[in-house]
Amino acid sequence: MQKPNMAVTGDETAATGDMPTYQIRAPTTALPQGVVMAASPGSLHSPQQLAEEATRKRELRLMKNREAAKECRRRKKEYVKCLESRVAVLEVQNKKLIEELETLKDICSPKTD
């Protein structure tokens, strides 16, 4: 006869506050009577099936990795393009500021004739 699994939960907010109270509750999911879980789901496969499964998982992982790398390269290109655009704007701004500085220097400097 199969014993039912029980779970123990602790409640720290007991009325006394000193010791937690514990309750035993029935599990939320139970196997039907007479059903026993296998030690591992893979134990029912042949070595050939295990090898095929490993190959399939490896190919899936490699495909996902390729897609992730492709997306990473795309984001990097976009980032570099944004930086190059920012550099161009800042160079123009810098050139204008240098010209303004020269103009102000000419205005403020005493003229010697």
PDB file of N, CA and C in Angstrom:
ATOM      1  N   MET A   1       0.843  -1.179   0.000  1.00  0.00           N
ATOM      2  CA  MET A   1       0.000   0.000   0.000  1.00  0.00           C
ATOM      3  C   MET A   1       0.886   1.238   0.000  1.00  0.00           C
ATOM      4  N   GLN A   2       0.546   2.203  -0.821  1.00  0.00           N
ATOM      5  CA  GLN A   2       1.348   3.413  -0.979  1.00  0.00           C
ATOM      6  C   GLN A   2       0.958   4.424   0.086  1.00  0.00           C
ATOM      7  N   LYS A   3       1.977   5.012   0.767  1.00  0.00           N
ATOM      8  CA  LYS A   3       1.701   6.028   1.781  1.00  0.00           C
ATOM      9  C   LYS A   3       1.527   7.365   1.084  1.00  0.00           C
ATOM     10  N   PRO A   4       0.560   8.179   1.507  1.00  0.00           N
ATOM     11  CA  PRO A   4       0.415   9.502   0.894  1.00  0.00           C
ATOM     12  C   PRO A   4       1.546  10.413   1.355  1.00  0.00           C
ATOM     13  N   ASN A   5       2.040  11.253   0.431  1.00  0.00           N
ATOM     14  CA  ASN A   5       3.063  12.233   0.771  1.00  0.00           C
ATOM     15  C   ASN A   5       2.412  13.393   1.495  1.00  0.00           C
ATOM     16  N   MET A   6       3.057  13.857   2.532  1.00  0.00           N
ATOM     17  CA  MET A   6       2.548  14.983   3.289  1.00  0.00           C
ATOM     18  C   MET A   6       3.576  16.105   3.242  1.00  0.00           C
ATOM     19  N   ALA A   7       3.119  17.337   3.311  1.00  0.00           N
ATOM     20  CA  ALA A   7       4.007  18.492   3.335  1.00  0.00           C
ATOM     21  C   ALA A   7       3.839  19.201   4.662  1.00  0.00           C
ATOM     22  N   VAL A   8       4.934  19.723   5.175  1.00  0.00           N
ATOM     23  CA  VAL A   8       4.910  20.448   6.439  1.00  0.00           C
ATOM     24  C   VAL A   8       5.181  21.905   6.132  1.00  0.00           C
ATOM     25  N   THR A   9       4.323  22.774   6.643  1.00  0.00           N
ATOM     26  CA  THR A   9       4.528  24.205   6.437  1.00  0.00           C
ATOM     27  C   THR A   9       4.650  24.882   7.789  1.00  0.00           C
ATOM     28  N   GLY A  10       5.488  25.897   7.854  1.00  0.00           N
ATOM     29  CA  GLY A  10       5.675  26.634   9.101  1.00  0.00           C
ATOM     30  C   GLY A  10       5.016  27.989   9.016  1.00  0.00           C
ATOM     31  N   ASP A  11       4.423  28.431  10.135  1.00  0.00           N
ATOM     32  CA  ASP A  11       3.784  29.735  10.199  1.00  0.00           C
ATOM     33  C   ASP A  11       4.481  30.539  11.269  1.00  0.00           C
ATOM     34  N   GLU A  12       5.249  31.526  10.868  1.00  0.00           N
ATOM     35  CA  GLU A  12       6.021  32.332  11.802  1.00  0.00           C
ATOM     36  C   GLU A  12       5.152  33.325  12.568  1.00  0.00           C
ATOM     37  N   THR A  13       3.925  33.528  12.125  1.00  0.00           N
ATOM     38  CA  THR A  13       3.083  34.531  12.762  1.00  0.00           C
ATOM     39  C   THR A  13       2.098  33.877  13.711  1.00  0.00           C
ATOM     40  N   ALA A  14       2.570  32.993  14.544  1.00  0.00           N
ATOM     41  CA  ALA A  14       1.707  32.333  15.507  1.00  0.00           C
ATOM     42  C   ALA A  14       1.284  33.344  16.571  1.00  0.00           C
ATOM     43  N   ALA A  15       0.216  33.038  17.280  1.00  0.00           N
ATOM     44  CA  ALA A  15      -0.321  33.957  18.275  1.00  0.00           C
ATOM     45  C   ALA A  15       0.686  34.222  19.389  1.00  0.00           C
ATOM     46  N   THR A  16       1.478  33.222  19.775  1.00  0.00           N
ATOM     47  CA  THR A  16       2.441  33.409  20.860  1.00  0.00           C
ATOM     48  C   THR A  16       3.646  34.202  20.396  1.00  0.00           C
ATOM     49  N   GLY A  17       4.052  34.065  19.149  1.00  0.00           N
ATOM     50  CA  GLY A  17       5.204  34.772  18.625  1.00  0.00           C
ATOM     51  C   GLY A  17       6.522  34.116  18.984  1.00  0.00           C
ATOM     52  N   ASP A  18       6.507  33.163  19.925  1.00  0.00           N
ATOM     53  CA  ASP A  18       7.747  32.507  20.352  1.00  0.00           C
ATOM     54  C   ASP A  18       8.138  31.372  19.431  1.00  0.00           C
ATOM     55  N   MET A  19       7.241  30.471  19.202  1.00  0.00           N
ATOM     56  CA  MET A  19       7.531  29.266  18.429  1.00  0.00           C
ATOM     57  C   MET A  19       6.635  29.247  17.191  1.00  0.00           C
ATOM     58  N   PRO A  20       7.201  28.879  16.055  1.00  0.00           N
ATOM     59  CA  PRO A  20       6.343  28.757  14.873  1.00  0.00           C
ATOM     60  C   PRO A  20       5.430  27.548  15.012  1.00  0.00           C
ATOM     61  N   THR A  21       4.243  27.655  14.453  1.00  0.00           N
ATOM     62  CA  THR A  21       3.329  26.517  14.460  1.00  0.00           C
ATOM     63  C   THR A  21       3.443  25.810  13.132  1.00  0.00           C
ATOM     64  N   TYR A  22       3.301  24.534  13.119  1.00  0.00           N
ATOM     65  CA  TYR A  22       3.421  23.736  11.906  1.00  0.00           C
ATOM     66  C   TYR A  22       2.126  23.010  11.644  1.00  0.00           C
ATOM     67  N   GLN A  23       1.794  22.928  10.363  1.00  0.00           N
ATOM     68  CA  GLN A  23       0.596  22.211   9.957  1.00  0.00           C
ATOM     69  C   GLN A  23       0.981  21.172   8.925  1.00  0.00           C
ATOM     70  N   ILE A  24       0.313  20.049   8.945  1.00  0.00           N
ATOM     71  CA  ILE A  24       0.520  19.024   7.938  1.00  0.00           C
ATOM     72  C   ILE A  24      -0.636  19.134   6.957  1.00  0.00           C
ATOM     73  N   ARG A  25      -0.293  19.251   5.680  1.00  0.00           N
ATOM     74  CA  ARG A  25      -1.339  19.360   4.671  1.00  0.00           C
ATOM     75  C   ARG A  25      -1.116  18.298   3.602  1.00  0.00           C
ATOM     76  N   ALA A  26      -2.181  17.914   2.953  1.00  0.00           N
ATOM     77  CA  ALA A  26      -2.116  16.906   1.896  1.00  0.00           C
ATOM     78  C   ALA A  26      -1.507  17.546   0.651  1.00  0.00           C
ATOM     79  N   PRO A  27      -0.778  16.791  -0.157  1.00  0.00           N
ATOM     80  CA  PRO A  27      -0.199  17.351  -1.377  1.00  0.00           C
ATOM     81  C   PRO A  27      -1.287  17.781  -2.351  1.00  0.00           C
ATOM     82  N   THR A  28      -0.976  18.794  -3.155  1.00  0.00           N
ATOM     83  CA  THR A  28      -1.973  19.296  -4.098  1.00  0.00           C
ATOM     84  C   THR A  28      -2.139  18.371  -5.291  1.00  0.00           C
ATOM     85  N   THR A  29      -1.082  17.677  -5.687  1.00  0.00           N
ATOM     86  CA  THR A  29      -1.203  16.732  -6.801  1.00  0.00           C
ATOM     87  C   THR A  29      -0.751  15.364  -6.317  1.00  0.00           C
ATOM     88  N   ALA A  30      -1.502  14.371  -6.672  1.00  0.00           N
ATOM     89  CA  ALA A  30      -1.164  13.007  -6.267  1.00  0.00           C
ATOM     90  C   ALA A  30      -1.331  12.087  -7.464  1.00  0.00           C
ATOM     91  N   LEU A  31      -0.548  11.047  -7.485  1.00  0.00           N
ATOM     92  CA  LEU A  31      -0.668  10.043  -8.544  1.00  0.00           C
ATOM     93  C   LEU A  31      -1.852   9.140  -8.243  1.00  0.00           C
ATOM     94  N   PRO A  32      -2.521   8.646  -9.269  1.00  0.00           N
ATOM     95  CA  PRO A  32      -3.616   7.699  -9.029  1.00  0.00           C
ATOM     96  C   PRO A  32      -3.107   6.445  -8.329  1.00  0.00           C
ATOM     97  N   GLN A  33      -4.009   5.754  -7.659  1.00  0.00           N
ATOM     98  CA  GLN A  33      -3.667   4.543  -6.918  1.00  0.00           C
ATOM     99  C   GLN A  33      -2.985   3.536  -7.833  1.00  0.00           C
ATOM    100  N   GLY A  34      -1.846   3.022  -7.425  1.00  0.00           N
ATOM    101  CA  GLY A  34      -1.147   1.998  -8.178  1.00  0.00           C
ATOM    102  C   GLY A  34      -0.169   2.537  -9.208  1.00  0.00           C
ATOM    103  N   VAL A  35      -0.084   3.858  -9.392  1.00  0.00           N
ATOM    104  CA  VAL A  35       0.842   4.432 -10.354  1.00  0.00           C
ATOM    105  C   VAL A  35       2.124   4.795  -9.620  1.00  0.00           C
ATOM    106  N   VAL A  36       3.239   4.342 -10.166  1.00  0.00           N
ATOM    107  CA  VAL A  36       4.531   4.613  -9.549  1.00  0.00           C
ATOM    108  C   VAL A  36       5.384   5.372 -10.548  1.00  0.00           C
ATOM    109  N   MET A  37       6.032   6.440 -10.089  1.00  0.00           N
ATOM    110  CA  MET A  37       6.904   7.204 -10.985  1.00  0.00           C
ATOM    111  C   MET A  37       8.205   6.452 -11.187  1.00  0.00           C
ATOM    112  N   ALA A  38       8.732   6.517 -12.402  1.00  0.00           N
ATOM    113  CA  ALA A  38      10.024   5.903 -12.700  1.00  0.00           C
ATOM    114  C   ALA A  38      11.123   6.748 -12.084  1.00  0.00           C
ATOM    115  N   ALA A  39      12.291   6.167 -11.906  1.00  0.00           N
ATOM    116  CA  ALA A  39      13.419   6.877 -11.305  1.00  0.00           C
ATOM    117  C   ALA A  39      13.787   8.092 -12.145  1.00  0.00           C
ATOM    118  N   SER A  40      13.814   7.946 -13.449  1.00  0.00           N
ATOM    119  CA  SER A  40      14.071   9.082 -14.332  1.00  0.00           C
ATOM    120  C   SER A  40      13.348   8.829 -15.640  1.00  0.00           C
ATOM    121  N   PRO A  41      12.871   9.919 -16.271  1.00  0.00           N
ATOM    122  CA  PRO A  41      12.138   9.718 -17.525  1.00  0.00           C
ATOM    123  C   PRO A  41      13.003   9.125 -18.625  1.00  0.00           C
ATOM    124  N   GLY A  42      14.313   9.329 -18.591  1.00  0.00           N
ATOM    125  CA  GLY A  42      15.191   8.819 -19.629  1.00  0.00           C
ATOM    126  C   GLY A  42      15.517   7.347 -19.507  1.00  0.00           C
ATOM    127  N   SER A  43      15.141   6.722 -18.416  1.00  0.00           N
ATOM    128  CA  SER A  43      15.511   5.323 -18.217  1.00  0.00           C
ATOM    129  C   SER A  43      14.721   4.376 -19.121  1.00  0.00           C
ATOM    130  N   LEU A  44      13.704   4.865 -19.794  1.00  0.00           N
ATOM    131  CA  LEU A  44      12.889   4.006 -20.644  1.00  0.00           C
ATOM    132  C   LEU A  44      13.368   4.012 -22.093  1.00  0.00           C
ATOM    133  N   HIS A  45      14.416   4.794 -22.413  1.00  0.00           N
ATOM    134  CA  HIS A  45      14.898   4.913 -23.793  1.00  0.00           C
ATOM    135  C   HIS A  45      16.107   4.009 -24.027  1.00  0.00           C
ATOM    136  N   SER A  46      16.255   3.619 -25.259  1.00  0.00           N
ATOM    137  CA  SER A  46      17.420   2.810 -25.636  1.00  0.00           C
ATOM    138  C   SER A  46      18.624   3.733 -25.806  1.00  0.00           C
ATOM    139  N   PRO A  47      19.825   3.188 -25.822  1.00  0.00           N
ATOM    140  CA  PRO A  47      21.020   4.027 -26.021  1.00  0.00           C
ATOM    141  C   PRO A  47      20.977   4.801 -27.334  1.00  0.00           C
ATOM    142  N   GLN A  48      20.423   4.190 -28.382  1.00  0.00           N
ATOM    143  CA  GLN A  48      20.322   4.878 -29.669  1.00  0.00           C
ATOM    144  C   GLN A  48      19.379   6.081 -29.545  1.00  0.00           C
ATOM    145  N   GLN A  49      18.260   5.899 -28.850  1.00  0.00           N
ATOM    146  CA  GLN A  49      17.322   6.999 -28.671  1.00  0.00           C
ATOM    147  C   GLN A  49      17.971   8.116 -27.841  1.00  0.00           C
ATOM    148  N   LEU A  50      18.743   7.740 -26.835  1.00  0.00           N
ATOM    149  CA  LEU A  50      19.430   8.742 -26.020  1.00  0.00           C
ATOM    150  C   LEU A  50      20.434   9.534 -26.860  1.00  0.00           C
ATOM    151  N   ALA A  51      21.158   8.834 -27.722  1.00  0.00           N
ATOM    152  CA  ALA A  51      22.134   9.510 -28.588  1.00  0.00           C
ATOM    153  C   ALA A  51      21.429  10.452 -29.563  1.00  0.00           C
ATOM    154  N   GLU A  52      20.312   9.992 -30.144  1.00  0.00           N
ATOM    155  CA  GLU A  52      19.553  10.840 -31.062  1.00  0.00           C
ATOM    156  C   GLU A  52      19.008  12.069 -30.340  1.00  0.00           C
ATOM    157  N   GLU A  53      18.529  11.875 -29.131  1.00  0.00           N
ATOM    158  CA  GLU A  53      18.010  12.984 -28.331  1.00  0.00           C
ATOM    159  C   GLU A  53      19.121  13.981 -28.005  1.00  0.00           C
ATOM    160  N   ALA A  54      20.287  13.482 -27.650  1.00  0.00           N
ATOM    161  CA  ALA A  54      21.425  14.361 -27.358  1.00  0.00           C
ATOM    162  C   ALA A  54      21.833  15.147 -28.601  1.00  0.00           C
ATOM    163  N   THR A  55      21.837  14.475 -29.755  1.00  0.00           N
ATOM    164  CA  THR A  55      22.175  15.151 -31.012  1.00  0.00           C
ATOM    165  C   THR A  55      21.147  16.222 -31.338  1.00  0.00           C
ATOM    166  N   ARG A  56      19.878  15.885 -31.163  1.00  0.00           N
ATOM    167  CA  ARG A  56      18.808  16.851 -31.426  1.00  0.00           C
ATOM    168  C   ARG A  56      18.932  18.066 -30.509  1.00  0.00           C
ATOM    169  N   LYS A  57      19.182  17.823 -29.224  1.00  0.00           N
ATOM    170  CA  LYS A  57      19.335  18.923 -28.272  1.00  0.00           C
ATOM    171  C   LYS A  57      20.538  19.791 -28.620  1.00  0.00           C
ATOM    172  N   ARG A  58      21.635  19.149 -29.045  1.00  0.00           N
ATOM    173  CA  ARG A  58      22.845  19.900 -29.409  1.00  0.00           C
ATOM    174  C   ARG A  58      22.583  20.780 -30.622  1.00  0.00           C
ATOM    175  N   GLU A  59      21.908  20.211 -31.639  1.00  0.00           N
ATOM    176  CA  GLU A  59      21.596  20.984 -32.842  1.00  0.00           C
ATOM    177  C   GLU A  59      20.670  22.152 -32.517  1.00  0.00           C
ATOM    178  N   LEU A  60      19.695  21.924 -31.647  1.00  0.00           N
ATOM    179  CA  LEU A  60      18.782  22.985 -31.239  1.00  0.00           C
ATOM    180  C   LEU A  60      19.546  24.085 -30.498  1.00  0.00           C
ATOM    181  N   ARG A  61      20.444  23.679 -29.610  1.00  0.00           N
ATOM    182  CA  ARG A  61      21.252  24.646 -28.854  1.00  0.00           C
ATOM    183  C   ARG A  61      22.140  25.456 -29.793  1.00  0.00           C
ATOM    184  N   LEU A  62      22.772  24.786 -30.753  1.00  0.00           N
ATOM    185  CA  LEU A  62      23.627  25.484 -31.711  1.00  0.00           C
ATOM    186  C   LEU A  62      22.821  26.461 -32.575  1.00  0.00           C
ATOM    187  N   MET A  63      21.619  26.049 -32.969  1.00  0.00           N
ATOM    188  CA  MET A  63      20.776  26.923 -33.776  1.00  0.00           C
ATOM    189  C   MET A  63      20.373  28.163 -32.970  1.00  0.00           C
ATOM    190  N   LYS A  64      19.991  27.965 -31.722  1.00  0.00           N
ATOM    191  CA  LYS A  64      19.631  29.098 -30.869  1.00  0.00           C
ATOM    192  C   LYS A  64      20.829  30.014 -30.658  1.00  0.00           C
ATOM    193  N   ASN A  65      21.991  29.417 -30.494  1.00  0.00           N
ATOM    194  CA  ASN A  65      23.210  30.204 -30.293  1.00  0.00           C
ATOM    195  C   ASN A  65      23.520  31.033 -31.532  1.00  0.00           C
ATOM    196  N   ARG A  66      23.359  30.436 -32.730  1.00  0.00           N
ATOM    197  CA  ARG A  66      23.584  31.179 -33.974  1.00  0.00           C
ATOM    198  C   ARG A  66      22.649  32.377 -34.076  1.00  0.00           C
ATOM    199  N   GLU A  67      21.385  32.156 -33.753  1.00  0.00           N
ATOM    200  CA  GLU A  67      20.399  33.246 -33.804  1.00  0.00           C
ATOM    201  C   GLU A  67      20.750  34.339 -32.794  1.00  0.00           C
ATOM    202  N   ALA A  68      21.151  33.941 -31.602  1.00  0.00           N
ATOM    203  CA  ALA A  68      21.517  34.926 -30.578  1.00  0.00           C
ATOM    204  C   ALA A  68      22.747  35.717 -31.007  1.00  0.00           C
ATOM    205  N   ALA A  69      23.731  35.043 -31.609  1.00  0.00           N
ATOM    206  CA  ALA A  69      24.938  35.725 -32.078  1.00  0.00           C
ATOM    207  C   ALA A  69      24.600  36.696 -33.206  1.00  0.00           C
ATOM    208  N   LYS A  70      23.715  36.279 -34.098  1.00  0.00           N
ATOM    209  CA  LYS A  70      23.292  37.146 -35.202  1.00  0.00           C
ATOM    210  C   LYS A  70      22.617  38.407 -34.661  1.00  0.00           C
ATOM    211  N   GLU A  71      21.740  38.231 -33.695  1.00  0.00           N
ATOM    212  CA  GLU A  71      21.052  39.370 -33.079  1.00  0.00           C
ATOM    213  C   GLU A  71      22.048  40.271 -32.344  1.00  0.00           C
ATOM    214  N   CYS A  72      23.021  39.677 -31.690  1.00  0.00           N
ATOM    215  CA  CYS A  72      24.057  40.447 -30.987  1.00  0.00           C
ATOM    216  C   CYS A  72      24.861  41.290 -31.968  1.00  0.00           C
ATOM    217  N   ARG A  73      25.249  40.699 -33.085  1.00  0.00           N
ATOM    218  CA  ARG A  73      25.995  41.451 -34.109  1.00  0.00           C
ATOM    219  C   ARG A  73      25.159  42.590 -34.679  1.00  0.00           C
ATOM    220  N   ARG A  74      23.856  42.351 -34.881  1.00  0.00           N
ATOM    221  CA  ARG A  74      22.968  43.394 -35.398  1.00  0.00           C
ATOM    222  C   ARG A  74      22.881  44.565 -34.415  1.00  0.00           C
ATOM    223  N   ARG A  75      22.712  44.236 -33.125  1.00  0.00           N
ATOM    224  CA  ARG A  75      22.632  45.300 -32.108  1.00  0.00           C
ATOM    225  C   ARG A  75      23.937  46.070 -32.019  1.00  0.00           C
ATOM    226  N   LYS A  76      25.066  45.372 -32.142  1.00  0.00           N
ATOM    227  CA  LYS A  76      26.369  46.031 -32.079  1.00  0.00           C
ATOM    228  C   LYS A  76      26.532  47.000 -33.248  1.00  0.00           C
ATOM    229  N   LYS A  77      26.147  46.571 -34.469  1.00  0.00           N
ATOM    230  CA  LYS A  77      26.232  47.455 -35.635  1.00  0.00           C
ATOM    231  C   LYS A  77      25.387  48.699 -35.429  1.00  0.00           C
ATOM    232  N   GLU A  78      24.184  48.513 -34.901  1.00  0.00           N
ATOM    233  CA  GLU A  78      23.285  49.637 -34.642  1.00  0.00           C
ATOM    234  C   GLU A  78      23.906  50.590 -33.618  1.00  0.00           C
ATOM    235  N   TYR A  79      24.513  50.032 -32.591  1.00  0.00           N
ATOM    236  CA  TYR A  79      25.152  50.837 -31.544  1.00  0.00           C
ATOM    237  C   TYR A  79      26.321  51.635 -32.115  1.00  0.00           C
ATOM    238  N   VAL A  80      27.153  50.993 -32.922  1.00  0.00           N
ATOM    239  CA  VAL A  80      28.307  51.665 -33.532  1.00  0.00           C
ATOM    240  C   VAL A  80      27.833  52.776 -34.464  1.00  0.00           C
ATOM    241  N   LYS A  81      26.778  52.503 -35.236  1.00  0.00           N
ATOM    242  CA  LYS A  81      26.236  53.517 -36.140  1.00  0.00           C
ATOM    243  C   LYS A  81      25.741  54.721 -35.341  1.00  0.00           C
ATOM    244  N   CYS A  82      25.100  54.472 -34.236  1.00  0.00           N
ATOM    245  CA  CYS A  82      24.612  55.550 -33.369  1.00  0.00           C
ATOM    246  C   CYS A  82      25.790  56.360 -32.819  1.00  0.00           C
ATOM    247  N   LEU A  83      26.847  55.668 -32.399  1.00  0.00           N
ATOM    248  CA  LEU A  83      28.037  56.362 -31.885  1.00  0.00           C
ATOM    249  C   LEU A  83      28.695  57.205 -32.967  1.00  0.00           C
ATOM    250  N   GLU A  84      28.789  56.667 -34.180  1.00  0.00           N
ATOM    251  CA  GLU A  84      29.396  57.422 -35.287  1.00  0.00           C
ATOM    252  C   GLU A  84      28.586  58.677 -35.598  1.00  0.00           C
ATOM    253  N   SER A  85      27.276  58.551 -35.549  1.00  0.00           N
ATOM    254  CA  SER A  85      26.409  59.705 -35.781  1.00  0.00           C
ATOM    255  C   SER A  85      26.622  60.754 -34.690  1.00  0.00           C
ATOM    256  N   ARG A  86      26.736  60.303 -33.473  1.00  0.00           N
ATOM    257  CA  ARG A  86      26.954  61.223 -32.350  1.00  0.00           C
ATOM    258  C   ARG A  86      28.306  61.933 -32.487  1.00  0.00           C
ATOM    259  N   VAL A  87      29.333  61.193 -32.908  1.00  0.00           N
ATOM    260  CA  VAL A  87      30.656  61.782 -33.122  1.00  0.00           C
ATOM    261  C   VAL A  87      30.567  62.887 -34.161  1.00  0.00           C
ATOM    262  N   ALA A  88      29.857  62.655 -35.257  1.00  0.00           N
ATOM    263  CA  ALA A  88      29.725  63.656 -36.320  1.00  0.00           C
ATOM    264  C   ALA A  88      29.052  64.911 -35.792  1.00  0.00           C
ATOM    265  N   VAL A  89      27.986  64.749 -35.016  1.00  0.00           N
ATOM    266  CA  VAL A  89      27.271  65.898 -34.453  1.00  0.00           C
ATOM    267  C   VAL A  89      28.182  66.673 -33.500  1.00  0.00           C
ATOM    268  N   LEU A  90      28.913  65.949 -32.658  1.00  0.00           N
ATOM    269  CA  LEU A  90      29.790  66.612 -31.689  1.00  0.00           C
ATOM    270  C   LEU A  90      30.961  67.318 -32.374  1.00  0.00           C
ATOM    271  N   GLU A  91      31.458  66.741 -33.472  1.00  0.00           N
ATOM    272  CA  GLU A  91      32.539  67.413 -34.214  1.00  0.00           C
ATOM    273  C   GLU A  91      32.061  68.734 -34.807  1.00  0.00           C
ATOM    274  N   VAL A  92      30.855  68.730 -35.357  1.00  0.00           N
ATOM    275  CA  VAL A  92      30.288  69.969 -35.909  1.00  0.00           C
ATOM    276  C   VAL A  92      30.099  70.991 -34.794  1.00  0.00           C
ATOM    277  N   GLN A  93      29.561  70.533 -33.669  1.00  0.00           N
ATOM    278  CA  GLN A  93      29.348  71.426 -32.533  1.00  0.00           C
ATOM    279  C   GLN A  93      30.682  71.988 -32.031  1.00  0.00           C
ATOM    280  N   ASN A  94      31.686  71.149 -31.953  1.00  0.00           N
ATOM    281  CA  ASN A  94      33.008  71.583 -31.498  1.00  0.00           C
ATOM    282  C   ASN A  94      33.588  72.635 -32.448  1.00  0.00           C
ATOM    283  N   LYS A  95      33.454  72.401 -33.741  1.00  0.00           N
ATOM    284  CA  LYS A  95      33.962  73.348 -34.735  1.00  0.00           C
ATOM    285  C   LYS A  95      33.278  74.710 -34.577  1.00  0.00           C
ATOM    286  N   LYS A  96      31.953  74.720 -34.381  1.00  0.00           N
ATOM    287  CA  LYS A  96      31.213  75.963 -34.191  1.00  0.00           C
ATOM    288  C   LYS A  96      31.675  76.675 -32.923  1.00  0.00           C
ATOM    289  N   LEU A  97      31.906  75.935 -31.862  1.00  0.00           N
ATOM    290  CA  LEU A  97      32.346  76.544 -30.607  1.00  0.00           C
ATOM    291  C   LEU A  97      33.745  77.139 -30.734  1.00  0.00           C
ATOM    292  N   ILE A  98      34.613  76.453 -31.457  1.00  0.00           N
ATOM    293  CA  ILE A  98      35.967  76.986 -31.680  1.00  0.00           C
ATOM    294  C   ILE A  98      35.883  78.291 -32.470  1.00  0.00           C
ATOM    295  N   GLU A  99      35.043  78.311 -33.507  1.00  0.00           N
ATOM    296  CA  GLU A  99      34.870  79.537 -34.295  1.00  0.00           C
ATOM    297  C   GLU A  99      34.308  80.669 -33.433  1.00  0.00           C
ATOM    298  N   GLU A 100      33.339  80.343 -32.575  1.00  0.00           N
ATOM    299  CA  GLU A 100      32.759  81.353 -31.681  1.00  0.00           C
ATOM    300  C   GLU A 100      33.808  81.879 -30.708  1.00  0.00           C
ATOM    301  N   LEU A 101      34.633  80.982 -30.196  1.00  0.00           N
ATOM    302  CA  LEU A 101      35.699  81.390 -29.277  1.00  0.00           C
ATOM    303  C   LEU A 101      36.659  82.343 -29.974  1.00  0.00           C
ATOM    304  N   GLU A 102      37.048  82.009 -31.193  1.00  0.00           N
ATOM    305  CA  GLU A 102      37.952  82.891 -31.948  1.00  0.00           C
ATOM    306  C   GLU A 102      37.317  84.257 -32.177  1.00  0.00           C
ATOM    307  N   THR A 103      36.034  84.288 -32.505  1.00  0.00           N
ATOM    308  CA  THR A 103      35.322  85.547 -32.715  1.00  0.00           C
ATOM    309  C   THR A 103      35.313  86.372 -31.433  1.00  0.00           C
ATOM    310  N   LEU A 104      35.008  85.749 -30.314  1.00  0.00           N
ATOM    311  CA  LEU A 104      34.991  86.449 -29.035  1.00  0.00           C
ATOM    312  C   LEU A 104      36.381  86.951 -28.640  1.00  0.00           C
ATOM    313  N   LYS A 105      37.403  86.162 -28.924  1.00  0.00           N
ATOM    314  CA  LYS A 105      38.774  86.593 -28.650  1.00  0.00           C
ATOM    315  C   LYS A 105      39.112  87.859 -29.451  1.00  0.00           C
ATOM    316  N   ASP A 106      38.690  87.865 -30.728  1.00  0.00           N
ATOM    317  CA  ASP A 106      38.940  89.025 -31.591  1.00  0.00           C
ATOM    318  C   ASP A 106      38.229  90.266 -31.064  1.00  0.00           C
ATOM    319  N   ILE A 107      36.989  90.068 -30.573  1.00  0.00           N
ATOM    320  CA  ILE A 107      36.198  91.196 -30.072  1.00  0.00           C
ATOM    321  C   ILE A 107      36.808  91.736 -28.777  1.00  0.00           C
ATOM    322  N   CYS A 108      37.197  90.849 -27.897  1.00  0.00           N
ATOM    323  CA  CYS A 108      37.661  91.251 -26.554  1.00  0.00           C
ATOM    324  C   CYS A 108      39.128  91.670 -26.517  1.00  0.00           C
ATOM    325  N   SER A 109      39.905  91.226 -27.413  1.00  0.00           N
ATOM    326  CA  SER A 109      41.331  91.568 -27.359  1.00  0.00           C
ATOM    327  C   SER A 109      41.549  93.025 -27.771  1.00  0.00           C
ATOM    328  N   PRO A 110      42.468  93.698 -27.083  1.00  0.00           N
ATOM    329  CA  PRO A 110      42.728  95.098 -27.440  1.00  0.00           C
ATOM    330  C   PRO A 110      43.412  95.157 -28.794  1.00  0.00           C
ATOM    331  N   LYS A 111      42.964  96.115 -29.583  1.00  0.00           N
ATOM    332  CA  LYS A 111      43.521  96.243 -30.928  1.00  0.00           C
ATOM    333  C   LYS A 111      44.723  97.163 -30.866  1.00  0.00           C
ATOM    334  N   THR A 112      45.778  96.670 -31.372  1.00  0.00           N
ATOM    335  CA  THR A 112      46.988  97.485 -31.417  1.00  0.00           C
ATOM    336  C   THR A 112      47.277  97.861 -32.839  1.00  0.00           C
ATOM    337  N   ASP A 113      47.229  99.170 -33.125  1.00  0.00           N
ATOM    338  CA  ASP A 113      47.518  99.645 -34.492  1.00  0.00           C
ATOM    339  C   ASP A 113      48.775 100.422 -34.517  1.00  0.00           C
TER     340      ASP A 113
END
